[in-house]
Amino acid sequence: MDSIGKIIKCRRKEFGLTQSRLAELSKIGINTLTQIERGEGNPTIKVLEKVLRTLGMQLTATIIEL
């Protein structure tokens, strides 16, 4: 399974966006976006939602029974 960062990077490239432009559109810092795409740092769900929404995606969670 690809990391969320790899998925975001792939989608960004599909749209022909630079990291700077996606960060601007998502209203987050370029350093934050770079860390997300590299799988570094620990972004909040709110930050991830901003980026994903900009890319026409959404974050979903599935509850599994243990």
C-alpha atoms as a PDB file:
ATOM      1  CA  MET A   1       0.000   0.000   0.000  1.00  0.00           C
ATOM      2  CA  ASP A   2       1.328   3.434  -0.925  1.00  0.00           C
ATOM      3  CA  SER A   3       1.735   6.042   1.770  1.00  0.00           C
ATOM      4  CA  ILE A   4      -0.555   9.055   1.795  1.00  0.00           C
ATOM      5  CA  GLY A   5       2.441  11.185   0.821  1.00  0.00           C
ATOM      6  CA  LYS A   6       3.099   9.152  -2.324  1.00  0.00           C
ATOM      7  CA  ILE A   7      -0.580   9.298  -3.259  1.00  0.00           C
ATOM      8  CA  ILE A   8      -0.645  13.084  -2.822  1.00  0.00           C
ATOM      9  CA  LYS A   9       2.538  13.512  -4.854  1.00  0.00           C
ATOM     10  CA  CYS A  10       1.196  11.358  -7.698  1.00  0.00           C
ATOM     11  CA  ARG A  11      -2.120  13.221  -7.788  1.00  0.00           C
ATOM     12  CA  ARG A  12      -0.332  16.591  -7.676  1.00  0.00           C
ATOM     13  CA  LYS A  13       1.764  15.598 -10.670  1.00  0.00           C
ATOM     14  CA  GLU A  14      -1.349  14.384 -12.542  1.00  0.00           C
ATOM     15  CA  PHE A  15      -2.716  17.919 -12.211  1.00  0.00           C
ATOM     16  CA  GLY A  16       0.622  19.430 -13.249  1.00  0.00           C
ATOM     17  CA  LEU A  17       0.990  21.334  -9.987  1.00  0.00           C
ATOM     18  CA  THR A  18       4.251  22.267  -8.331  1.00  0.00           C
ATOM     19  CA  GLN A  19       4.643  21.750  -4.612  1.00  0.00           C
ATOM     20  CA  SER A  20       4.605  25.519  -4.153  1.00  0.00           C
ATOM     21  CA  ARG A  21       1.331  25.910  -6.030  1.00  0.00           C
ATOM     22  CA  LEU A  22      -0.388  23.053  -4.202  1.00  0.00           C
ATOM     23  CA  ALA A  23       0.760  24.445  -0.859  1.00  0.00           C
ATOM     24  CA  GLU A  24      -0.585  27.858  -1.833  1.00  0.00           C
ATOM     25  CA  LEU A  25      -3.937  26.477  -2.990  1.00  0.00           C
ATOM     26  CA  SER A  26      -4.223  24.313   0.125  1.00  0.00           C
ATOM     27  CA  LYS A  27      -3.238  27.212   2.390  1.00  0.00           C
ATOM     28  CA  ILE A  28      -0.432  25.254   4.059  1.00  0.00           C
ATOM     29  CA  GLY A  29       3.308  25.834   4.200  1.00  0.00           C
ATOM     30  CA  ILE A  30       5.588  24.469   1.488  1.00  0.00           C
ATOM     31  CA  ASN A  31       7.742  22.770   4.128  1.00  0.00           C
ATOM     32  CA  THR A  32       4.680  20.993   5.499  1.00  0.00           C
ATOM     33  CA  LEU A  33       3.713  19.719   2.044  1.00  0.00           C
ATOM     34  CA  THR A  34       7.273  18.583   1.340  1.00  0.00           C
ATOM     35  CA  GLN A  35       7.333  16.627   4.595  1.00  0.00           C
ATOM     36  CA  ILE A  36       3.967  15.013   3.821  1.00  0.00           C
ATOM     37  CA  GLU A  37       5.094  13.905   0.370  1.00  0.00           C
ATOM     38  CA  ARG A  38       8.311  12.452   1.816  1.00  0.00           C
ATOM     39  CA  GLY A  39       6.420  10.593   4.530  1.00  0.00           C
ATOM     40  CA  GLU A  40       8.080  12.679   7.220  1.00  0.00           C
ATOM     41  CA  GLY A  41       6.613  14.720  10.009  1.00  0.00           C
ATOM     42  CA  ASN A  42       3.242  14.203  11.604  1.00  0.00           C
ATOM     43  CA  PRO A  43       0.577  16.342   9.871  1.00  0.00           C
ATOM     44  CA  THR A  44      -2.794  16.801  11.504  1.00  0.00           C
ATOM     45  CA  ILE A  45      -5.908  15.381   9.901  1.00  0.00           C
ATOM     46  CA  LYS A  46      -7.025  18.954   9.247  1.00  0.00           C
ATOM     47  CA  VAL A  47      -3.872  19.656   7.204  1.00  0.00           C
ATOM     48  CA  LEU A  48      -4.257  16.418   5.248  1.00  0.00           C
ATOM     49  CA  GLU A  49      -7.896  17.252   4.537  1.00  0.00           C
ATOM     50  CA  LYS A  50      -6.912  20.668   3.138  1.00  0.00           C
ATOM     51  CA  VAL A  51      -4.447  19.091   0.709  1.00  0.00           C
ATOM     52  CA  LEU A  52      -6.731  16.235  -0.283  1.00  0.00           C
ATOM     53  CA  ARG A  53      -9.727  18.532  -0.794  1.00  0.00           C
ATOM     54  CA  THR A  54      -7.621  20.729  -3.076  1.00  0.00           C
ATOM     55  CA  LEU A  55      -6.776  17.637  -5.127  1.00  0.00           C
ATOM     56  CA  GLY A  56     -10.417  16.504  -5.302  1.00  0.00           C
ATOM     57  CA  MET A  57      -9.889  13.695  -2.829  1.00  0.00           C
ATOM     58  CA  GLN A  58     -11.123  12.900   0.649  1.00  0.00           C
ATOM     59  CA  LEU A  59      -9.824  11.132   3.726  1.00  0.00           C
ATOM     60  CA  THR A  60     -11.912   8.232   4.957  1.00  0.00           C
ATOM     61  CA  ALA A  61     -11.550   5.907   7.916  1.00  0.00           C
ATOM     62  CA  THR A  62     -12.835   2.396   8.329  1.00  0.00           C
ATOM     63  CA  ILE A  63     -13.548   0.912  11.728  1.00  0.00           C
ATOM     64  CA  ILE A  64     -12.603  -2.733  11.956  1.00  0.00           C
ATOM     65  CA  GLU A  65     -13.707  -5.167  14.596  1.00  0.00           C
ATOM     66  CA  LEU A  66     -10.975  -6.709  16.682  1.00  0.00           C
END
